[in-house]
Protein backbone atom coordinates (compact mmCIF):
# COMPACT_ATOMS: atom_id res chain seq x y z
CA MET A 1 -107.40 109.44 -135.26
CA ASN A 2 -106.49 112.33 -132.64
CA LEU A 3 -102.92 112.83 -132.47
CA ASP A 4 -100.78 115.51 -131.01
CA PHE A 5 -99.12 115.52 -134.30
CA ASP A 6 -99.63 116.89 -137.98
CA GLN A 7 -98.15 116.92 -141.41
CA SER A 8 -96.40 120.48 -140.77
CA ARG A 9 -94.94 118.86 -137.44
CA TRP A 10 -93.46 115.93 -139.87
CA ASN A 11 -92.21 118.42 -142.17
CA ARG A 12 -90.31 120.14 -139.56
CA THR A 13 -88.97 116.87 -138.03
CA ILE A 14 -87.65 115.43 -141.15
CA ALA A 15 -85.79 118.61 -141.77
CA ARG A 16 -84.38 118.59 -138.30
CA HIS A 17 -83.35 115.02 -138.60
CA ARG A 18 -81.67 115.71 -142.07
CA ALA A 19 -79.75 118.50 -140.66
CA TRP A 20 -78.36 116.49 -137.82
CA TRP A 21 -77.49 113.45 -140.03
CA ASP A 22 -75.74 116.12 -142.51
CA GLY A 23 -73.88 117.83 -139.62
CA THR A 24 -75.27 121.34 -140.63
CA THR A 25 -76.75 121.89 -137.22
CA ASP A 26 -75.12 122.01 -133.56
CA GLN A 27 -78.30 121.25 -132.10
CA PRO A 28 -79.08 117.98 -130.52
CA LEU A 29 -82.21 115.72 -131.41
CA VAL A 30 -84.54 115.42 -128.43
CA HIS A 31 -87.05 112.86 -128.88
CA LEU A 32 -89.28 113.41 -125.60
CA THR A 33 -92.93 112.28 -125.23
CA LEU A 34 -95.07 113.14 -122.25
CA ASN A 35 -97.80 110.80 -121.05
CA GLY A 36 -101.27 111.92 -119.66
CA ARG A 37 -102.82 113.55 -122.94
CA GLU A 38 -106.62 113.09 -123.06
CA PRO A 39 -107.35 110.99 -126.26
CA GLY A 40 -110.55 111.90 -127.03
CA ARG A 41 -112.09 108.50 -127.07
CA GLY A 42 -112.52 105.38 -124.73
CA GLU A 43 -109.67 103.23 -123.81
CA PRO A 44 -109.89 99.78 -125.99
CA SER A 45 -110.57 96.79 -124.11
CA LEU A 46 -107.40 95.02 -125.32
CA PRO A 47 -104.40 95.39 -122.95
CA SER A 48 -101.42 97.25 -123.98
CA HIS A 49 -98.16 95.00 -124.05
CA THR A 50 -94.66 95.97 -124.79
CA PHE A 51 -94.11 93.03 -126.81
CA THR A 52 -96.63 92.57 -129.71
CA SER A 53 -95.77 88.93 -129.53
CA ASN A 54 -97.80 88.72 -126.36
CA TYR A 55 -101.16 88.85 -128.32
CA ASP A 56 -102.01 85.59 -129.61
CA ASP A 57 -103.56 84.54 -133.24
CA SER A 58 -107.05 85.10 -131.91
CA VAL A 59 -106.35 88.86 -131.74
CA SER A 60 -106.83 90.71 -135.03
CA GLU A 61 -104.10 92.90 -136.42
CA GLY A 62 -106.69 95.43 -136.59
CA ALA A 63 -107.31 95.34 -132.70
CA ILE A 64 -103.75 95.71 -132.05
CA VAL A 65 -103.33 98.24 -134.21
CA ASP A 66 -106.40 100.22 -132.46
CA ARG A 67 -104.56 99.70 -129.18
CA MET A 68 -101.36 101.12 -130.44
CA VAL A 69 -103.09 104.30 -131.94
CA TYR A 70 -104.78 104.70 -128.80
CA ASP A 71 -101.39 104.74 -126.96
CA LEU A 72 -99.87 107.17 -129.29
CA GLU A 73 -103.07 109.53 -128.69
CA CYS A 74 -102.24 109.50 -125.03
CA ARG A 75 -98.96 111.21 -125.62
CA TYR A 76 -97.64 114.66 -126.16
CA PHE A 77 -94.78 114.58 -128.82
CA LEU A 78 -92.21 117.26 -127.88
CA GLY A 79 -88.92 118.39 -129.54
CA ASP A 80 -87.88 115.98 -132.29
CA SER A 81 -90.21 113.08 -131.32
CA PHE A 82 -92.91 111.67 -133.79
CA PRO A 83 -95.36 108.79 -133.67
CA VAL A 84 -93.94 105.49 -134.44
CA PHE A 85 -95.18 101.95 -134.52
CA THR A 86 -92.53 99.32 -134.18
CA PRO A 87 -93.90 95.88 -133.80
CA ASN A 88 -91.97 94.13 -130.95
CA PHE A 89 -91.17 90.55 -131.34
CA GLY A 90 -88.11 90.60 -129.09
CA PRO A 91 -84.52 91.34 -130.10
CA GLY A 92 -83.31 89.20 -132.91
CA SER A 93 -86.87 88.50 -134.17
CA ILE A 94 -85.33 86.92 -137.45
CA ALA A 95 -84.80 83.66 -135.33
CA ALA A 96 -88.54 83.39 -135.15
CA PHE A 97 -89.16 84.27 -138.67
CA LEU A 98 -86.55 81.49 -139.47
CA GLY A 99 -88.65 79.03 -137.42
CA LEU A 100 -87.27 79.10 -133.96
CA GLU A 101 -89.92 78.74 -131.09
CA LEU A 102 -90.80 82.34 -129.44
CA GLN A 103 -91.36 82.19 -125.64
CA ASN A 104 -92.59 85.51 -124.22
CA GLY A 105 -90.78 86.38 -120.80
CA ASP A 106 -91.74 89.04 -118.26
CA LYS A 107 -89.18 91.57 -119.76
CA THR A 108 -88.11 89.97 -122.88
CA VAL A 109 -88.50 87.23 -125.57
CA TRP A 110 -86.56 84.10 -126.06
CA PHE A 111 -86.01 81.86 -128.96
CA HIS A 112 -85.62 78.41 -128.48
CA GLN A 113 -84.51 75.46 -130.96
CA THR A 114 -87.13 72.67 -130.32
CA ASN A 115 -84.32 70.28 -131.74
CA PRO A 116 -80.86 71.29 -130.86
CA VAL A 117 -78.41 70.87 -133.76
CA GLU A 118 -75.23 68.74 -133.23
CA LYS A 119 -72.97 70.86 -135.32
CA LEU A 120 -73.04 74.33 -136.94
CA SER A 121 -73.13 73.05 -140.38
CA ASP A 122 -76.64 71.72 -139.57
CA ILE A 123 -78.09 75.24 -139.63
CA HIS A 124 -79.50 76.43 -142.57
CA LEU A 125 -80.80 80.04 -142.84
CA GLU A 126 -83.32 80.57 -145.41
CA PHE A 127 -85.70 83.11 -145.95
CA ASP A 128 -89.51 81.82 -145.33
CA ARG A 129 -92.36 84.01 -146.74
CA GLU A 130 -94.72 81.52 -145.27
CA ASN A 131 -93.52 81.76 -141.62
CA PRO A 132 -96.45 82.76 -139.54
CA TRP A 133 -94.40 85.20 -137.50
CA PHE A 134 -93.18 86.93 -140.55
CA ARG A 135 -96.51 87.32 -141.98
CA ARG A 136 -97.84 88.57 -138.66
CA VAL A 137 -95.49 91.46 -138.66
CA CYS A 138 -96.35 92.18 -142.35
CA ASN A 139 -99.86 92.12 -141.71
CA LEU A 140 -99.48 94.26 -138.70
CA TYR A 141 -97.56 96.85 -140.87
CA ARG A 142 -100.50 96.79 -143.53
CA ALA A 143 -103.18 97.45 -140.74
CA MET A 144 -101.17 100.25 -139.48
CA ALA A 145 -100.67 101.61 -142.83
CA ALA A 146 -104.37 101.65 -143.40
CA ARG A 147 -105.16 103.69 -140.08
CA SER A 148 -101.87 106.05 -139.71
CA GLU A 149 -103.20 108.72 -142.39
CA GLY A 150 -99.59 109.11 -143.03
CA LEU A 151 -98.72 110.35 -139.67
CA ILE A 152 -97.67 107.38 -137.81
CA HIS A 153 -94.26 106.17 -138.94
CA LEU A 154 -93.58 102.32 -139.25
CA GLY A 155 -90.32 101.30 -137.66
CA LEU A 156 -88.32 98.44 -138.49
CA THR A 157 -88.83 95.54 -136.10
CA ASP A 158 -85.73 94.32 -134.02
CA LEU A 159 -84.12 92.08 -136.38
CA GLY A 160 -81.01 91.28 -134.35
CA GLY A 161 -77.29 91.02 -135.29
CA ASN A 162 -76.10 88.11 -137.40
CA LEU A 163 -74.26 86.26 -134.87
CA ASP A 164 -76.77 86.79 -132.35
CA ILE A 165 -79.16 85.01 -134.84
CA ILE A 166 -76.84 81.87 -135.13
CA ALA A 167 -76.37 81.85 -131.25
CA SER A 168 -80.23 81.52 -131.11
CA PHE A 169 -79.94 78.30 -133.11
CA ARG A 170 -76.85 77.23 -131.75
CA GLN A 171 -76.84 78.34 -128.12
CA SER A 172 -74.09 80.80 -127.17
CA GLN A 173 -71.84 78.13 -125.60
CA GLU A 174 -71.81 75.91 -128.38
CA LEU A 175 -70.92 78.76 -130.84
CA LEU A 176 -68.15 79.91 -128.62
CA LEU A 177 -66.63 76.57 -128.87
CA ASP A 178 -67.18 76.56 -132.76
CA LEU A 179 -64.91 79.81 -132.80
CA TYR A 180 -62.15 77.51 -131.92
CA ASP A 181 -63.29 74.12 -133.34
CA ASP A 182 -64.90 75.21 -136.78
CA PRO A 183 -63.93 78.79 -137.36
CA GLU A 184 -64.17 78.74 -141.11
CA GLU A 185 -67.93 77.47 -140.80
CA VAL A 186 -68.53 80.16 -138.31
CA GLU A 187 -67.34 82.63 -141.02
CA ARG A 188 -69.59 81.04 -143.61
CA LYS A 189 -72.54 81.03 -141.32
CA SER A 190 -71.94 84.64 -140.56
CA TRP A 191 -72.37 85.54 -144.26
CA GLU A 192 -75.21 83.31 -144.64
CA ALA A 193 -77.10 85.28 -141.76
CA HIS A 194 -75.96 88.53 -143.41
CA ARG A 195 -77.84 87.46 -146.56
CA VAL A 196 -81.27 86.53 -144.77
CA TRP A 197 -80.79 89.60 -142.62
CA TRP A 198 -80.74 91.90 -145.66
CA ARG A 199 -83.59 89.99 -147.40
CA TYR A 200 -85.88 90.71 -144.28
CA PHE A 201 -84.68 94.14 -144.22
CA ASP A 202 -85.71 94.41 -147.92
CA GLU A 203 -89.17 92.66 -147.65
CA PHE A 204 -90.44 94.75 -144.46
CA ASN A 205 -89.26 98.02 -146.20
CA LYS A 206 -91.34 97.15 -149.27
CA ILE A 207 -94.28 97.89 -146.93
CA ILE A 208 -92.95 100.63 -144.83
CA GLN A 209 -91.59 102.81 -147.93
CA ASP A 210 -94.99 102.64 -149.61
CA THR A 211 -96.48 104.13 -146.38
CA HIS A 212 -94.33 106.56 -145.12
CA PRO A 213 -91.04 107.03 -146.97
CA GLY A 214 -88.23 107.02 -144.49
CA TYR A 215 -86.45 104.68 -142.16
CA THR A 216 -86.34 104.07 -138.51
CA ALA A 217 -86.18 101.24 -135.97
CA TRP A 218 -86.42 100.22 -132.40
CA THR A 219 -84.62 103.25 -131.63
CA PRO A 220 -86.69 106.25 -133.38
CA LEU A 221 -84.27 108.19 -135.24
CA PHE A 222 -85.71 109.11 -138.26
CA SER A 223 -83.52 108.97 -141.60
CA GLU A 224 -84.80 109.73 -145.17
CA THR A 225 -82.38 106.96 -146.38
CA PRO A 226 -81.66 103.76 -145.11
CA TYR A 227 -80.69 103.67 -141.12
CA TYR A 228 -80.49 100.82 -138.95
CA MET A 229 -79.44 100.06 -135.02
CA LEU A 230 -76.86 97.48 -135.81
CA GLN A 231 -75.69 95.19 -132.79
CA CYS A 232 -73.72 91.91 -132.01
CA ASP A 233 -74.57 91.36 -128.30
CA PHE A 234 -72.82 87.98 -128.77
CA SER A 235 -69.52 89.86 -129.16
CA PHE A 236 -69.33 90.78 -125.25
CA MET A 237 -68.04 87.34 -124.86
CA LEU A 238 -65.20 87.78 -127.19
CA GLY A 239 -61.88 89.36 -127.16
CA ASN A 240 -61.18 91.99 -129.87
CA ASP A 241 -59.15 89.84 -131.94
CA MET A 242 -62.06 87.44 -132.37
CA PHE A 243 -64.31 90.48 -132.81
CA GLN A 244 -62.17 91.57 -135.66
CA ARG A 245 -62.32 88.44 -137.29
CA PHE A 246 -65.85 86.98 -136.91
CA CYS A 247 -67.77 90.20 -136.35
CA LEU A 248 -66.16 93.24 -138.02
CA PRO A 249 -66.10 92.07 -141.55
CA GLU A 250 -70.00 91.44 -141.59
CA LEU A 251 -70.69 94.89 -139.69
CA LYS A 252 -68.57 96.74 -142.28
CA ALA A 253 -70.40 95.35 -145.12
CA THR A 254 -73.86 96.20 -143.74
CA CYS A 255 -72.46 99.67 -142.89
CA ASN A 256 -71.40 100.13 -146.50
CA ARG A 257 -75.11 99.31 -147.57
CA LEU A 258 -76.64 101.88 -144.95
CA SER A 259 -76.64 105.38 -145.54
CA ASN A 260 -76.84 106.13 -141.53
CA PRO A 261 -75.96 102.93 -139.61
CA PHE A 262 -75.53 103.26 -135.90
CA PHE A 263 -74.39 100.61 -133.33
CA HIS A 264 -75.80 99.36 -130.04
CA LEU A 265 -73.01 99.03 -127.70
CA ASP A 266 -74.20 97.18 -124.72
CA GLY A 267 -72.24 96.99 -121.27
CA PRO A 268 -68.69 97.46 -120.24
CA GLY A 269 -67.71 94.26 -121.80
CA MET A 270 -68.30 95.69 -125.28
CA LEU A 271 -66.04 98.68 -124.67
CA THR A 272 -62.89 96.43 -125.88
CA HIS A 273 -64.55 96.74 -129.25
CA LEU A 274 -65.29 100.49 -129.32
CA ASN A 275 -62.12 101.55 -131.08
CA SER A 276 -62.75 98.94 -133.95
CA LEU A 277 -66.21 100.23 -134.27
CA LEU A 278 -65.02 103.65 -134.49
CA ALA A 279 -62.41 102.93 -137.44
CA ILE A 280 -65.44 101.82 -139.57
CA PRO A 281 -65.65 105.11 -141.87
CA GLU A 282 -69.17 104.61 -142.74
CA LEU A 283 -70.48 104.00 -139.04
CA LYS A 284 -72.40 107.19 -137.86
CA GLY A 285 -72.62 106.71 -134.16
CA ILE A 286 -72.81 104.50 -131.13
CA GLN A 287 -75.75 103.84 -128.85
CA TRP A 288 -73.89 103.36 -125.41
CA VAL A 289 -76.11 101.23 -123.00
CA PRO A 290 -74.17 100.84 -119.61
CA GLY A 291 -76.32 98.10 -118.62
CA ALA A 292 -78.08 96.97 -115.37
CA GLY A 293 -75.86 97.56 -112.25
CA GLN A 294 -73.48 100.03 -113.99
CA PRO A 295 -73.00 103.63 -113.18
CA ASP A 296 -75.45 106.46 -114.39
CA ILE A 297 -75.04 107.34 -118.11
CA THR A 298 -73.62 110.52 -116.94
CA GLU A 299 -70.67 108.74 -115.26
CA TRP A 300 -69.10 107.60 -118.73
CA PRO A 301 -67.71 110.88 -119.90
CA ASP A 302 -64.49 109.21 -121.43
CA VAL A 303 -66.46 106.84 -123.26
CA TYR A 304 -68.78 109.95 -124.91
CA ARG A 305 -65.39 111.80 -125.59
CA THR A 306 -63.90 108.75 -127.41
CA ILE A 307 -66.96 108.55 -129.68
CA ARG A 308 -66.85 112.28 -130.40
CA ALA A 309 -63.08 112.45 -131.01
CA ALA A 310 -63.68 109.96 -133.68
CA GLY A 311 -66.38 112.16 -135.40
CA LYS A 312 -69.30 109.82 -134.56
CA ARG A 313 -72.64 110.85 -133.09
CA VAL A 314 -74.04 109.56 -129.73
CA GLN A 315 -77.51 108.47 -128.77
CA PHE A 316 -78.73 107.42 -125.35
CA PHE A 317 -81.77 106.98 -123.40
CA ALA A 318 -82.88 109.12 -121.00
CA SER A 319 -84.04 106.36 -118.57
CA GLN A 320 -80.45 105.42 -118.06
CA SER A 321 -79.88 108.10 -115.89
CA SER A 322 -81.54 109.17 -112.40
CA LEU A 323 -81.61 112.61 -113.83
CA GLY A 324 -83.92 111.33 -116.71
CA TRP A 325 -84.23 113.87 -119.53
CA ARG A 326 -82.25 116.51 -117.54
CA SER A 327 -79.08 114.34 -118.37
CA LEU A 328 -79.04 115.95 -121.55
CA GLU A 329 -77.53 119.19 -120.59
CA VAL A 330 -74.93 117.20 -118.15
CA LEU A 331 -73.76 115.08 -121.07
CA ALA A 332 -73.59 118.04 -123.40
CA GLU A 333 -71.42 119.99 -120.71
CA GLN A 334 -69.19 117.20 -120.35
CA LEU A 335 -68.47 117.05 -124.11
CA GLY A 336 -68.54 120.78 -124.62
CA SER A 337 -71.35 121.04 -126.91
CA MET A 338 -74.82 119.59 -128.06
CA GLU A 339 -73.81 118.71 -131.38
CA GLY A 340 -74.34 115.08 -132.50
CA ILE A 341 -76.41 113.96 -129.64
CA MET A 342 -79.87 112.27 -129.71
CA MET A 343 -81.73 111.65 -126.59
CA TYR A 344 -84.83 109.36 -126.40
CA GLY A 345 -87.14 109.44 -123.57
CA GLU A 346 -90.51 109.43 -121.84
CA ALA A 347 -91.86 111.74 -118.99
CA PRO A 348 -94.93 112.57 -116.96
CA ALA A 349 -96.99 115.43 -118.00
CA GLU A 350 -96.27 117.54 -115.06
CA ASP A 351 -92.65 117.79 -116.53
CA GLY A 352 -94.08 119.37 -119.54
CA PRO A 353 -93.34 123.16 -118.76
CA GLU A 354 -89.75 122.46 -117.50
CA ILE A 355 -88.96 120.50 -120.61
CA GLN A 356 -90.43 123.38 -122.84
CA SER A 357 -88.14 125.67 -121.04
CA MET A 358 -85.07 123.39 -121.91
CA LEU A 359 -86.26 123.12 -125.34
CA LYS A 360 -86.71 126.78 -125.70
CA ARG A 361 -82.96 127.53 -124.53
CA LEU A 362 -81.86 124.94 -126.88
CA GLY A 363 -83.71 126.93 -129.74
CA ILE A 364 -85.72 124.03 -130.40
CA ASP A 365 -89.13 125.46 -131.30
CA ARG A 366 -92.17 122.94 -131.13
CA ASN A 367 -93.69 124.93 -134.36
């Protein structure tokens, strides 16, 4: 394996993330990778897919992992970035683990109930060890563990939010009606989803922690103690009163069980819930995603100031700005400091010298 990474880099990366979580550094976390590195071997014949679910059963886990390792070998890891393998079976993949049909789209994955349920109480969410999608993810983790030499971290697949999982079974419009027609059953199903969510979290981490102790997810923040990027995209259709009844209790309970919980806030419709989220003491930070057709990430300074004023950290994607990775210093200027910021992104190889200059200004030494 020929990675632009080694154990000394891992030691530094772990220490930098530890200080960021602990609040003992005023530096940001900068997870930037560059494309265009020479991997030192021929490209595998298997194509590269964003969604791992695009590989059918005829493709072995070993072949998929070889492709993923090759893609990582083609990257330079700058700043606080690190090699990570996160099997991608779509947002809210627990729905597939629980038996829904998984359908690959051009840019996402959908989950379908073959036989629609007539009422919410007909849905039963139970852990299924023999589910083929669950077994596929487990086998992929094991295959990468055997290949990674301890240098590629295993990121937890996108499990989804508990109401998002229920909506996959019930359909969003029907679940919205259930909030009025059968609110107690919605609450019962929310806690049923909570229990099964944690069962899958624990089952996957039995494999992950044996390979490379520590936690990351579909957003690659590294934490030595349990971390996850939580979400409840269904709540963009809810007023804050319903959010506080049907979403917030479960979110609080999950935050209590995680050392470093973050929340994925997706689109302006979710901003009505921001203050409720910020009031959760255990929640460490917010990932703000303006969404398609919305102003650039640098055009929301009040959102970031609100998050910062609540003592929370902020995380954003460089791809959400026309400035790309250069948006980091713009946001830091708006907030008055770099403290508690994490940026994730990719860049072409020709941006390397300019990025290295930025990292040097920030005091983030590659070595």
